[in-house]
C-alpha cells in the first residue's frame, strides 16, 4: 500500500467515525433533521413551497435502511451512533468496491 493510499484510508476512517455528527449537530442547534435530509414537507416549512423537482421525485427512492437505524423506535443516542457508523462503513465499502471495479474495467479496456 502506497503512502497516498494510506492517507486516503485514514481519511475515510475518520469520515466514517464522525458520521454520528449527523445526529448530534442538529440536536445541538435544535435544527430538527440533518442538513439536506429534509422531506418535502420540511422544505415547504423552510422556504414556503416545495420545488417542482423535489415534488416530482420525492417518492422515487426509498432508503434501504431508513433513518440509518434498524429500530426506529430506539431513542438511544449510543445505538443510533453505532448505526450511523455502520452506515458509514457500508457506504465507504460500496464506494470503494464500485471505484475498484470501474478501475479494473478501465485498465482492462486500455490493454
PDB file of N, CA and C in Angstrom:
ATOM      1  N   UNK A   1       0.853  -1.169   0.000  1.00  0.00           N
ATOM      2  CA  UNK A   1       0.000   0.000   0.000  1.00  0.00           C
ATOM      3  C   UNK A   1       0.903   1.236   0.000  1.00  0.00           C
ATOM      4  N   UNK A   2       0.617   2.131  -0.924  1.00  0.00           N
ATOM      5  CA  UNK A   2       1.432   3.333  -1.034  1.00  0.00           C
ATOM      6  C   UNK A   2       1.083   4.328   0.073  1.00  0.00           C
ATOM      7  N   UNK A   3       1.922   5.321   0.202  1.00  0.00           N
ATOM      8  CA  UNK A   3       1.719   6.346   1.220  1.00  0.00           C
ATOM      9  C   UNK A   3       0.413   7.114   0.977  1.00  0.00           C
ATOM     10  N   UNK A   4       0.135   7.419  -0.295  1.00  0.00           N
ATOM     11  CA  UNK A   4      -1.104   8.117  -0.644  1.00  0.00           C
ATOM     12  C   UNK A   4      -2.323   7.260  -0.300  1.00  0.00           C
ATOM     13  N   UNK A   5      -2.255   5.983  -0.591  1.00  0.00           N
ATOM     14  CA  UNK A   5      -3.372   5.086  -0.275  1.00  0.00           C
ATOM     15  C   UNK A   5      -3.605   5.027   1.235  1.00  0.00           C
ATOM     16  N   UNK A   6      -2.542   5.026   2.015  1.00  0.00           N
ATOM     17  CA  UNK A   6      -2.679   5.012   3.476  1.00  0.00           C
ATOM     18  C   UNK A   6      -3.348   6.296   3.965  1.00  0.00           C
ATOM     19  N   UNK A   7      -2.960   7.433   3.389  1.00  0.00           N
ATOM     20  CA  UNK A   7      -3.564   8.708   3.773  1.00  0.00           C
ATOM     21  C   UNK A   7      -5.054   8.718   3.432  1.00  0.00           C
ATOM     22  N   UNK A   8      -5.382   8.209   2.259  1.00  0.00           N
ATOM     23  CA  UNK A   8      -6.789   8.157   1.851  1.00  0.00           C
ATOM     24  C   UNK A   8      -7.568   7.235   2.777  1.00  0.00           C
ATOM     25  N   UNK A   9      -6.992   6.095   3.134  1.00  0.00           N
ATOM     26  CA  UNK A   9      -7.661   5.152   4.027  1.00  0.00           C
ATOM     27  C   UNK A   9      -7.896   5.773   5.403  1.00  0.00           C
ATOM     28  N   UNK A  10      -6.900   6.475   5.935  1.00  0.00           N
ATOM     29  CA  UNK A  10      -7.051   7.140   7.229  1.00  0.00           C
ATOM     30  C   UNK A  10      -8.141   8.199   7.144  1.00  0.00           C
ATOM     31  N   UNK A  11      -8.149   8.960   6.060  1.00  0.00           N
ATOM     32  CA  UNK A  11      -9.169   9.983   5.855  1.00  0.00           C
ATOM     33  C   UNK A  11     -10.564   9.365   5.827  1.00  0.00           C
ATOM     34  N   UNK A  12     -10.731   8.259   5.109  1.00  0.00           N
ATOM     35  CA  UNK A  12     -12.025   7.579   5.044  1.00  0.00           C
ATOM     36  C   UNK A  12     -12.447   7.047   6.406  1.00  0.00           C
ATOM     37  N   UNK A  13     -11.509   6.511   7.166  1.00  0.00           N
ATOM     38  CA  UNK A  13     -11.820   6.007   8.506  1.00  0.00           C
ATOM     39  C   UNK A  13     -12.293   7.153   9.402  1.00  0.00           C
ATOM     40  N   UNK A  14     -11.623   8.290   9.320  1.00  0.00           N
ATOM     41  CA  UNK A  14     -12.035   9.450  10.112  1.00  0.00           C
ATOM     42  C   UNK A  14     -13.444   9.888   9.715  1.00  0.00           C
ATOM     43  N   UNK A  15     -13.727   9.930   8.414  1.00  0.00           N
ATOM     44  CA  UNK A  15     -15.067  10.307   7.958  1.00  0.00           C
ATOM     45  C   UNK A  15     -16.121   9.340   8.483  1.00  0.00           C
ATOM     46  N   UNK A  16     -15.820   8.057   8.456  1.00  0.00           N
ATOM     47  CA  UNK A  16     -16.763   7.059   8.970  1.00  0.00           C
ATOM     48  C   UNK A  16     -17.009   7.279  10.461  1.00  0.00           C
ATOM     49  N   UNK A  17     -15.947   7.561  11.200  1.00  0.00           N
ATOM     50  CA  UNK A  17     -16.082   7.720  12.652  1.00  0.00           C
ATOM     51  C   UNK A  17     -16.816   8.996  13.054  1.00  0.00           C
ATOM     52  N   UNK A  18     -16.802  10.011  12.195  1.00  0.00           N
ATOM     53  CA  UNK A  18     -17.512  11.247  12.555  1.00  0.00           C
ATOM     54  C   UNK A  18     -18.935  11.293  11.997  1.00  0.00           C
ATOM     55  N   UNK A  19     -19.390  10.215  11.365  1.00  0.00           N
ATOM     56  CA  UNK A  19     -20.756  10.216  10.839  1.00  0.00           C
ATOM     57  C   UNK A  19     -21.819  10.466  11.909  1.00  0.00           C
ATOM     58  N   UNK A  20     -21.624  10.057  13.169  1.00  0.00           N
ATOM     59  CA  UNK A  20     -22.662  10.374  14.165  1.00  0.00           C
ATOM     60  C   UNK A  20     -22.871  11.871  14.390  1.00  0.00           C
ATOM     61  N   UNK A  21     -21.998  12.701  13.870  1.00  0.00           N
ATOM     62  CA  UNK A  21     -22.208  14.152  13.974  1.00  0.00           C
ATOM     63  C   UNK A  21     -23.539  14.527  13.332  1.00  0.00           C
ATOM     64  N   UNK A  22     -24.005  13.719  12.379  1.00  0.00           N
ATOM     65  CA  UNK A  22     -25.294  13.949  11.742  1.00  0.00           C
ATOM     66  C   UNK A  22     -26.455  13.833  12.715  1.00  0.00           C
ATOM     67  N   UNK A  23     -26.241  13.126  13.817  1.00  0.00           N
ATOM     68  CA  UNK A  23     -27.267  13.018  14.861  1.00  0.00           C
ATOM     69  C   UNK A  23     -27.133  14.173  15.839  1.00  0.00           C
ATOM     70  N   UNK A  24     -25.903  14.422  16.272  1.00  0.00           N
ATOM     71  CA  UNK A  24     -25.672  15.355  17.370  1.00  0.00           C
ATOM     72  C   UNK A  24     -25.784  16.824  16.974  1.00  0.00           C
ATOM     73  N   UNK A  25     -25.271  17.209  15.822  1.00  0.00           N
ATOM     74  CA  UNK A  25     -25.296  18.624  15.438  1.00  0.00           C
ATOM     75  C   UNK A  25     -26.705  19.180  15.288  1.00  0.00           C
ATOM     76  N   UNK A  26     -27.618  18.480  14.595  1.00  0.00           N
ATOM     77  CA  UNK A  26     -28.984  19.026  14.541  1.00  0.00           C
ATOM     78  C   UNK A  26     -29.622  19.144  15.929  1.00  0.00           C
ATOM     79  N   UNK A  27     -29.326  18.202  16.817  1.00  0.00           N
ATOM     80  CA  UNK A  27     -29.870  18.278  18.172  1.00  0.00           C
ATOM     81  C   UNK A  27     -29.267  19.461  18.921  1.00  0.00           C
ATOM     82  N   UNK A  28     -27.958  19.667  18.757  1.00  0.00           N
ATOM     83  CA  UNK A  28     -27.262  20.744  19.438  1.00  0.00           C
ATOM     84  C   UNK A  28     -27.796  22.110  19.013  1.00  0.00           C
ATOM     85  N   UNK A  29     -28.075  22.261  17.724  1.00  0.00           N
ATOM     86  CA  UNK A  29     -28.562  23.532  17.192  1.00  0.00           C
ATOM     87  C   UNK A  29     -30.084  23.593  17.103  1.00  0.00           C
ATOM     88  N   UNK A  30     -30.756  22.575  17.630  1.00  0.00           N
ATOM     89  CA  UNK A  30     -32.214  22.491  17.597  1.00  0.00           C
ATOM     90  C   UNK A  30     -32.720  22.695  16.166  1.00  0.00           C
ATOM     91  N   UNK A  31     -32.082  21.955  15.236  1.00  0.00           N
ATOM     92  CA  UNK A  31     -32.363  22.136  13.815  1.00  0.00           C
ATOM     93  C   UNK A  31     -33.322  21.098  13.242  1.00  0.00           C
ATOM     94  N   UNK A  32     -33.762  20.154  14.039  1.00  0.00           N
ATOM     95  CA  UNK A  32     -34.659  19.125  13.507  1.00  0.00           C
ATOM     96  C   UNK A  32     -33.871  18.072  12.754  1.00  0.00           C
ATOM     97  N   UNK A  33     -34.093  17.973  11.456  1.00  0.00           N
ATOM     98  CA  UNK A  33     -33.414  16.971  10.634  1.00  0.00           C
ATOM     99  C   UNK A  33     -31.982  17.389  10.323  1.00  0.00           C
ATOM    100  N   UNK A  34     -31.174  16.397   9.935  1.00  0.00           N
ATOM    101  CA  UNK A  34     -29.816  16.685   9.481  1.00  0.00           C
ATOM    102  C   UNK A  34     -29.893  17.519   8.202  1.00  0.00           C
ATOM    103  N   UNK A  35     -28.911  18.395   7.992  1.00  0.00           N
ATOM    104  CA  UNK A  35     -28.924  19.281   6.845  1.00  0.00           C
ATOM    105  C   UNK A  35     -28.967  18.462   5.555  1.00  0.00           C
ATOM    106  N   UNK A  36     -29.897  18.812   4.691  1.00  0.00           N
ATOM    107  CA  UNK A  36     -30.009  18.167   3.401  1.00  0.00           C
ATOM    108  C   UNK A  36     -30.816  16.880   3.405  1.00  0.00           C
ATOM    109  N   UNK A  37     -31.243  16.430   4.557  1.00  0.00           N
ATOM    110  CA  UNK A  37     -32.032  15.198   4.644  1.00  0.00           C
ATOM    111  C   UNK A  37     -33.498  15.521   4.919  1.00  0.00           C
ATOM    112  N   UNK A  38     -33.964  16.595   4.339  1.00  0.00           N
ATOM    113  CA  UNK A  38     -35.292  17.083   4.616  1.00  0.00           C
ATOM    114  C   UNK A  38     -36.329  16.406   3.730  1.00  0.00           C
ATOM    115  N   UNK A  39     -37.498  16.226   4.279  1.00  0.00           N
ATOM    116  CA  UNK A  39     -38.638  15.750   3.497  1.00  0.00           C
ATOM    117  C   UNK A  39     -39.209  16.931   2.726  1.00  0.00           C
ATOM    118  N   UNK A  40     -40.100  16.630   1.809  1.00  0.00           N
ATOM    119  CA  UNK A  40     -40.748  17.700   1.046  1.00  0.00           C
ATOM    120  C   UNK A  40     -41.512  18.630   1.987  1.00  0.00           C
ATOM    121  N   UNK A  41     -42.120  18.072   3.014  1.00  0.00           N
ATOM    122  CA  UNK A  41     -42.870  18.895   3.966  1.00  0.00           C
ATOM    123  C   UNK A  41     -41.944  19.824   4.755  1.00  0.00           C
ATOM    124  N   UNK A  42     -40.758  19.324   5.120  1.00  0.00           N
ATOM    125  CA  UNK A  42     -39.800  20.153   5.842  1.00  0.00           C
ATOM    126  C   UNK A  42     -39.329  21.308   4.965  1.00  0.00           C
ATOM    127  N   UNK A  43     -39.035  21.000   3.688  1.00  0.00           N
ATOM    128  CA  UNK A  43     -38.612  22.051   2.753  1.00  0.00           C
ATOM    129  C   UNK A  43     -39.722  23.095   2.612  1.00  0.00           C
ATOM    130  N   UNK A  44     -40.955  22.636   2.531  1.00  0.00           N
ATOM    131  CA  UNK A  44     -42.078  23.573   2.426  1.00  0.00           C
ATOM    132  C   UNK A  44     -42.131  24.478   3.651  1.00  0.00           C
ATOM    133  N   UNK A  45     -41.874  23.916   4.830  1.00  0.00           N
ATOM    134  CA  UNK A  45     -41.871  24.724   6.042  1.00  0.00           C
ATOM    135  C   UNK A  45     -40.720  25.721   6.074  1.00  0.00           C
ATOM    136  N   UNK A  46     -39.592  25.372   5.455  1.00  0.00           N
ATOM    137  CA  UNK A  46     -38.413  26.244   5.465  1.00  0.00           C
ATOM    138  C   UNK A  46     -38.543  27.381   4.458  1.00  0.00           C
ATOM    139  N   UNK A  47     -38.897  27.024   3.207  1.00  0.00           N
ATOM    140  CA  UNK A  47     -38.893  28.052   2.156  1.00  0.00           C
ATOM    141  C   UNK A  47     -40.290  28.456   1.689  1.00  0.00           C
ATOM    142  N   UNK A  48     -41.310  27.774   2.187  1.00  0.00           N
ATOM    143  CA  UNK A  48     -42.675  28.180   1.869  1.00  0.00           C
ATOM    144  C   UNK A  48     -43.338  27.427   0.736  1.00  0.00           C
ATOM    145  N   UNK A  49     -42.581  26.632  -0.007  1.00  0.00           N
ATOM    146  CA  UNK A  49     -43.162  25.838  -1.090  1.00  0.00           C
ATOM    147  C   UNK A  49     -42.257  24.632  -1.341  1.00  0.00           C
ATOM    148  N   UNK A  50     -42.763  23.673  -2.096  1.00  0.00           N
ATOM    149  CA  UNK A  50     -41.973  22.500  -2.472  1.00  0.00           C
ATOM    150  C   UNK A  50     -41.540  22.694  -3.920  1.00  0.00           C
ATOM    151  N   UNK A  51     -40.220  22.737  -4.183  1.00  0.00           N
ATOM    152  CA  UNK A  51     -39.755  22.891  -5.563  1.00  0.00           C
ATOM    153  C   UNK A  51     -40.303  21.764  -6.453  1.00  0.00           C
ATOM    154  N   UNK A  52     -40.551  22.095  -7.711  1.00  0.00           N
ATOM    155  CA  UNK A  52     -41.178  21.161  -8.643  1.00  0.00           C
ATOM    156  C   UNK A  52     -40.414  19.835  -8.747  1.00  0.00           C
ATOM    157  N   UNK A  53     -39.095  19.907  -8.863  1.00  0.00           N
ATOM    158  CA  UNK A  53     -38.295  18.681  -8.985  1.00  0.00           C
ATOM    159  C   UNK A  53     -38.384  17.806  -7.750  1.00  0.00           C
ATOM    160  N   UNK A  54     -38.375  18.437  -6.577  1.00  0.00           N
ATOM    161  CA  UNK A  54     -38.494  17.677  -5.336  1.00  0.00           C
ATOM    162  C   UNK A  54     -39.864  17.024  -5.243  1.00  0.00           C
ATOM    163  N   UNK A  55     -40.894  17.751  -5.598  1.00  0.00           N
ATOM    164  CA  UNK A  55     -42.248  17.193  -5.563  1.00  0.00           C
ATOM    165  C   UNK A  55     -42.375  16.025  -6.539  1.00  0.00           C
ATOM    166  N   UNK A  56     -41.749  16.160  -7.691  1.00  0.00           N
ATOM    167  CA  UNK A  56     -41.844  15.128  -8.731  1.00  0.00           C
ATOM    168  C   UNK A  56     -41.125  13.839  -8.327  1.00  0.00           C
ATOM    169  N   UNK A  57     -39.964  13.973  -7.690  1.00  0.00           N
ATOM    170  CA  UNK A  57     -39.135  12.800  -7.411  1.00  0.00           C
ATOM    171  C   UNK A  57     -39.093  12.389  -5.946  1.00  0.00           C
ATOM    172  N   UNK A  58     -39.931  12.990  -5.111  1.00  0.00           N
ATOM    173  CA  UNK A  58     -39.844  12.743  -3.673  1.00  0.00           C
ATOM    174  C   UNK A  58     -40.071  11.288  -3.286  1.00  0.00           C
ATOM    175  N   UNK A  59     -40.877  10.566  -4.039  1.00  0.00           N
ATOM    176  CA  UNK A  59     -41.148   9.166  -3.699  1.00  0.00           C
ATOM    177  C   UNK A  59     -40.417   8.178  -4.600  1.00  0.00           C
ATOM    178  N   UNK A  60     -39.460   8.651  -5.390  1.00  0.00           N
ATOM    179  CA  UNK A  60     -38.742   7.791  -6.320  1.00  0.00           C
ATOM    180  C   UNK A  60     -37.803   6.819  -5.609  1.00  0.00           C
ATOM    181  N   UNK A  61     -37.108   7.285  -4.595  1.00  0.00           N
ATOM    182  CA  UNK A  61     -36.106   6.473  -3.908  1.00  0.00           C
ATOM    183  C   UNK A  61     -36.481   6.309  -2.443  1.00  0.00           C
ATOM    184  N   UNK A  62     -36.469   5.092  -1.999  1.00  0.00           N
ATOM    185  CA  UNK A  62     -36.668   4.793  -0.580  1.00  0.00           C
ATOM    186  C   UNK A  62     -35.363   4.216  -0.049  1.00  0.00           C
ATOM    187  N   UNK A  63     -34.870   4.747   1.032  1.00  0.00           N
ATOM    188  CA  UNK A  63     -33.615   4.285   1.618  1.00  0.00           C
ATOM    189  C   UNK A  63     -33.738   2.832   2.060  1.00  0.00           C
ATOM    190  N   UNK A  64     -32.694   2.021   1.819  1.00  0.00           N
ATOM    191  CA  UNK A  64     -32.756   0.620   2.242  1.00  0.00           C
ATOM    192  C   UNK A  64     -32.864   0.486   3.765  1.00  0.00           C
ATOM    193  N   UNK A  65     -32.245   1.399   4.488  1.00  0.00           N
ATOM    194  CA  UNK A  65     -32.334   1.411   5.952  1.00  0.00           C
ATOM    195  C   UNK A  65     -32.715   2.839   6.334  1.00  0.00           C
ATOM    196  N   UNK A  66     -34.003   3.097   6.486  1.00  0.00           N
ATOM    197  CA  UNK A  66     -34.435   4.470   6.727  1.00  0.00           C
ATOM    198  C   UNK A  66     -33.949   4.968   8.084  1.00  0.00           C
ATOM    199  N   UNK A  67     -33.612   6.226   8.137  1.00  0.00           N
ATOM    200  CA  UNK A  67     -33.105   6.888   9.344  1.00  0.00           C
ATOM    201  C   UNK A  67     -31.848   6.236   9.908  1.00  0.00           C
ATOM    202  N   UNK A  68     -31.130   5.500   9.092  1.00  0.00           N
ATOM    203  CA  UNK A  68     -29.861   4.870   9.481  1.00  0.00           C
ATOM    204  C   UNK A  68     -29.990   3.943  10.677  1.00  0.00           C
ATOM    205  N   UNK A  69     -31.132   3.371  10.883  1.00  0.00           N
ATOM    206  CA  UNK A  69     -31.325   2.527  12.056  1.00  0.00           C
ATOM    207  C   UNK A  69     -32.161   1.308  11.708  1.00  0.00           C
ATOM    208  N   UNK A  70     -31.981   0.271  12.487  1.00  0.00           N
ATOM    209  CA  UNK A  70     -32.782  -0.930  12.315  1.00  0.00           C
ATOM    210  C   UNK A  70     -34.021  -0.884  13.186  1.00  0.00           C
ATOM    211  N   UNK A  71     -33.982  -0.027  14.213  1.00  0.00           N
ATOM    212  CA  UNK A  71     -35.112   0.110  15.127  1.00  0.00           C
ATOM    213  C   UNK A  71     -35.438   1.595  15.283  1.00  0.00           C
ATOM    214  N   UNK A  72     -36.400   2.077  14.502  1.00  0.00           N
ATOM    215  CA  UNK A  72     -36.760   3.492  14.518  1.00  0.00           C
ATOM    216  C   UNK A  72     -37.339   3.971  15.836  1.00  0.00           C
ATOM    217  N   UNK A  73     -37.750   3.046  16.692  1.00  0.00           N
ATOM    218  CA  UNK A  73     -38.334   3.424  17.981  1.00  0.00           C
ATOM    219  C   UNK A  73     -37.298   3.501  19.094  1.00  0.00           C
ATOM    220  N   UNK A  74     -36.040   3.201  18.781  1.00  0.00           N
ATOM    221  CA  UNK A  74     -34.983   3.203  19.794  1.00  0.00           C
ATOM    222  C   UNK A  74     -34.394   4.603  19.923  1.00  0.00           C
ATOM    223  N   UNK A  75     -34.632   5.308  21.036  1.00  0.00           N
ATOM    224  CA  UNK A  75     -34.147   6.678  21.186  1.00  0.00           C
ATOM    225  C   UNK A  75     -32.691   6.773  21.653  1.00  0.00           C
ATOM    226  N   UNK A  76     -32.037   5.648  21.886  1.00  0.00           N
ATOM    227  CA  UNK A  76     -30.683   5.646  22.431  1.00  0.00           C
ATOM    228  C   UNK A  76     -29.688   6.271  21.450  1.00  0.00           C
ATOM    229  N   UNK A  77     -29.035   7.351  21.882  1.00  0.00           N
ATOM    230  CA  UNK A  77     -28.053   8.008  21.019  1.00  0.00           C
ATOM    231  C   UNK A  77     -26.846   7.124  20.750  1.00  0.00           C
ATOM    232  N   UNK A  78     -26.472   6.297  21.731  1.00  0.00           N
ATOM    233  CA  UNK A  78     -25.312   5.430  21.512  1.00  0.00           C
ATOM    234  C   UNK A  78     -25.614   4.402  20.423  1.00  0.00           C
ATOM    235  N   UNK A  79     -26.808   3.824  20.434  1.00  0.00           N
ATOM    236  CA  UNK A  79     -27.168   2.868  19.377  1.00  0.00           C
ATOM    237  C   UNK A  79     -27.305   3.564  18.036  1.00  0.00           C
ATOM    238  N   UNK A  80     -27.912   4.751  18.035  1.00  0.00           N
ATOM    239  CA  UNK A  80     -28.018   5.495  16.784  1.00  0.00           C
ATOM    240  C   UNK A  80     -26.635   5.815  16.226  1.00  0.00           C
ATOM    241  N   UNK A  81     -25.685   6.137  17.103  1.00  0.00           N
ATOM    242  CA  UNK A  81     -24.313   6.417  16.670  1.00  0.00           C
ATOM    243  C   UNK A  81     -23.689   5.190  16.029  1.00  0.00           C
ATOM    244  N   UNK A  82     -23.916   4.044  16.646  1.00  0.00           N
ATOM    245  CA  UNK A  82     -23.375   2.796  16.086  1.00  0.00           C
ATOM    246  C   UNK A  82     -23.983   2.543  14.708  1.00  0.00           C
ATOM    247  N   UNK A  83     -25.293   2.744  14.569  1.00  0.00           N
ATOM    248  CA  UNK A  83     -25.943   2.547  13.274  1.00  0.00           C
ATOM    249  C   UNK A  83     -25.395   3.522  12.231  1.00  0.00           C
ATOM    250  N   UNK A  84     -25.139   4.759  12.632  1.00  0.00           N
ATOM    251  CA  UNK A  84     -24.553   5.740  11.709  1.00  0.00           C
ATOM    252  C   UNK A  84     -23.167   5.288  11.260  1.00  0.00           C
ATOM    253  N   UNK A  85     -22.364   4.794  12.199  1.00  0.00           N
ATOM    254  CA  UNK A  85     -21.017   4.326  11.847  1.00  0.00           C
ATOM    255  C   UNK A  85     -21.104   3.128  10.912  1.00  0.00           C
ATOM    256  N   UNK A  86     -22.008   2.201  11.198  1.00  0.00           N
ATOM    257  CA  UNK A  86     -22.186   1.045  10.307  1.00  0.00           C
ATOM    258  C   UNK A  86     -22.619   1.516   8.922  1.00  0.00           C
ATOM    259  N   UNK A  87     -23.513   2.498   8.860  1.00  0.00           N
ATOM    260  CA  UNK A  87     -23.933   3.058   7.571  1.00  0.00           C
ATOM    261  C   UNK A  87     -22.748   3.692   6.849  1.00  0.00           C
ATOM    262  N   UNK A  88     -21.904   4.397   7.601  1.00  0.00           N
ATOM    263  CA  UNK A  88     -20.708   4.998   7.002  1.00  0.00           C
ATOM    264  C   UNK A  88     -19.759   3.954   6.452  1.00  0.00           C
ATOM    265  N   UNK A  89     -19.570   2.873   7.191  1.00  0.00           N
ATOM    266  CA  UNK A  89     -18.697   1.778   6.732  1.00  0.00           C
ATOM    267  C   UNK A  89     -19.287   1.151   5.478  1.00  0.00           C
ATOM    268  N   UNK A  90     -20.585   0.891   5.498  1.00  0.00           N
ATOM    269  CA  UNK A  90     -21.234   0.284   4.329  1.00  0.00           C
ATOM    270  C   UNK A  90     -21.122   1.202   3.111  1.00  0.00           C
ATOM    271  N   UNK A  91     -21.386   2.491   3.308  1.00  0.00           N
ATOM    272  CA  UNK A  91     -21.280   3.441   2.199  1.00  0.00           C
ATOM    273  C   UNK A  91     -19.871   3.529   1.649  1.00  0.00           C
ATOM    274  N   UNK A  92     -18.885   3.579   2.533  1.00  0.00           N
ATOM    275  CA  UNK A  92     -17.481   3.636   2.091  1.00  0.00           C
ATOM    276  C   UNK A  92     -17.096   2.349   1.368  1.00  0.00           C
ATOM    277  N   UNK A  93     -17.558   1.210   1.871  1.00  0.00           N
ATOM    278  CA  UNK A  93     -17.245  -0.078   1.236  1.00  0.00           C
ATOM    279  C   UNK A  93     -17.860  -0.168  -0.156  1.00  0.00           C
ATOM    280  N   UNK A  94     -19.099   0.294  -0.283  1.00  0.00           N
ATOM    281  CA  UNK A  94     -19.752   0.271  -1.595  1.00  0.00           C
ATOM    282  C   UNK A  94     -19.028   1.200  -2.569  1.00  0.00           C
ATOM    283  N   UNK A  95     -18.690   2.408  -2.102  1.00  0.00           N
ATOM    284  CA  UNK A  95     -17.966   3.359  -2.963  1.00  0.00           C
ATOM    285  C   UNK A  95     -16.610   2.795  -3.371  1.00  0.00           C
ATOM    286  N   UNK A  96     -15.914   2.167  -2.434  1.00  0.00           N
ATOM    287  CA  UNK A  96     -14.616   1.564  -2.730  1.00  0.00           C
ATOM    288  C   UNK A  96     -14.761   0.430  -3.737  1.00  0.00           C
ATOM    289  N   UNK A  97     -15.770  -0.421  -3.548  1.00  0.00           N
ATOM    290  CA  UNK A  97     -15.975  -1.550  -4.459  1.00  0.00           C
ATOM    291  C   UNK A  97     -16.307  -1.077  -5.875  1.00  0.00           C
ATOM    292  N   UNK A  98     -17.179  -0.075  -5.985  1.00  0.00           N
ATOM    293  CA  UNK A  98     -17.544   0.450  -7.303  1.00  0.00           C
ATOM    294  C   UNK A  98     -16.334   1.093  -7.969  1.00  0.00           C
ATOM    295  N   UNK A  99     -15.565   1.865  -7.221  1.00  0.00           N
ATOM    296  CA  UNK A  99     -14.356   2.501  -7.769  1.00  0.00           C
ATOM    297  C   UNK A  99     -13.353   1.460  -8.220  1.00  0.00           C
ATOM    298  N   UNK A 100     -13.143   0.441  -7.410  1.00  0.00           N
ATOM    299  CA  UNK A 100     -12.204  -0.634  -7.753  1.00  0.00           C
ATOM    300  C   UNK A 100     -12.662  -1.347  -9.017  1.00  0.00           C
ATOM    301  N   UNK A 101     -13.956  -1.684  -9.088  1.00  0.00           N
ATOM    302  CA  UNK A 101     -14.492  -2.379 -10.251  1.00  0.00           C
ATOM    303  C   UNK A 101     -14.354  -1.534 -11.513  1.00  0.00           C
ATOM    304  N   UNK A 102     -14.703  -0.253 -11.425  1.00  0.00           N
ATOM    305  CA  UNK A 102     -14.565   0.623 -12.590  1.00  0.00           C
ATOM    306  C   UNK A 102     -13.109   0.771 -13.029  1.00  0.00           C
ATOM    307  N   UNK A 103     -12.198   0.874 -12.065  1.00  0.00           N
ATOM    308  CA  UNK A 103     -10.782   0.996 -12.429  1.00  0.00           C
ATOM    309  C   UNK A 103     -10.294  -0.275 -13.113  1.00  0.00           C
ATOM    310  N   UNK A 104     -10.750  -1.445 -12.674  1.00  0.00           N
ATOM    311  CA  UNK A 104     -10.364  -2.708 -13.323  1.00  0.00           C
ATOM    312  C   UNK A 104     -10.897  -2.762 -14.752  1.00  0.00           C
ATOM    313  N   UNK A 105     -12.134  -2.310 -14.948  1.00  0.00           N
ATOM    314  CA  UNK A 105     -12.721  -2.308 -16.298  1.00  0.00           C
ATOM    315  C   UNK A 105     -11.968  -1.350 -17.206  1.00  0.00           C
ATOM    316  N   UNK A 106     -11.639  -0.168 -16.680  1.00  0.00           N
ATOM    317  CA  UNK A 106     -10.910   0.818 -17.479  1.00  0.00           C
ATOM    318  C   UNK A 106      -9.525   0.320 -17.831  1.00  0.00           C
ATOM    319  N   UNK A 107      -8.820  -0.258 -16.861  1.00  0.00           N
ATOM    320  CA  UNK A 107      -7.474  -0.780 -17.121  1.00  0.00           C
ATOM    321  C   UNK A 107      -7.534  -1.910 -18.126  1.00  0.00           C
ATOM    322  N   UNK A 108      -8.513  -2.794 -18.012  1.00  0.00           N
ATOM    323  CA  UNK A 108      -8.650  -3.920 -18.961  1.00  0.00           C
ATOM    324  C   UNK A 108      -8.920  -3.414 -20.362  1.00  0.00           C
ATOM    325  N   UNK A 109      -9.731  -2.375 -20.507  1.00  0.00           N
ATOM    326  CA  UNK A 109     -10.048  -1.833 -21.828  1.00  0.00           C
ATOM    327  C   UNK A 109      -8.884  -1.088 -22.438  1.00  0.00           C
ATOM    328  N   UNK A 110      -7.955  -0.588 -21.637  1.00  0.00           N
ATOM    329  CA  UNK A 110      -6.790   0.124 -22.171  1.00  0.00           C
ATOM    330  C   UNK A 110      -5.745  -0.830 -22.735  1.00  0.00           C
ATOM    331  N   UNK A 111      -5.763  -2.068 -22.302  1.00  0.00           N
ATOM    332  CA  UNK A 111      -4.747  -3.042 -22.761  1.00  0.00           C
ATOM    333  C   UNK A 111      -5.024  -3.576 -24.117  1.00  0.00           C
TER     334      UNK A 111
END
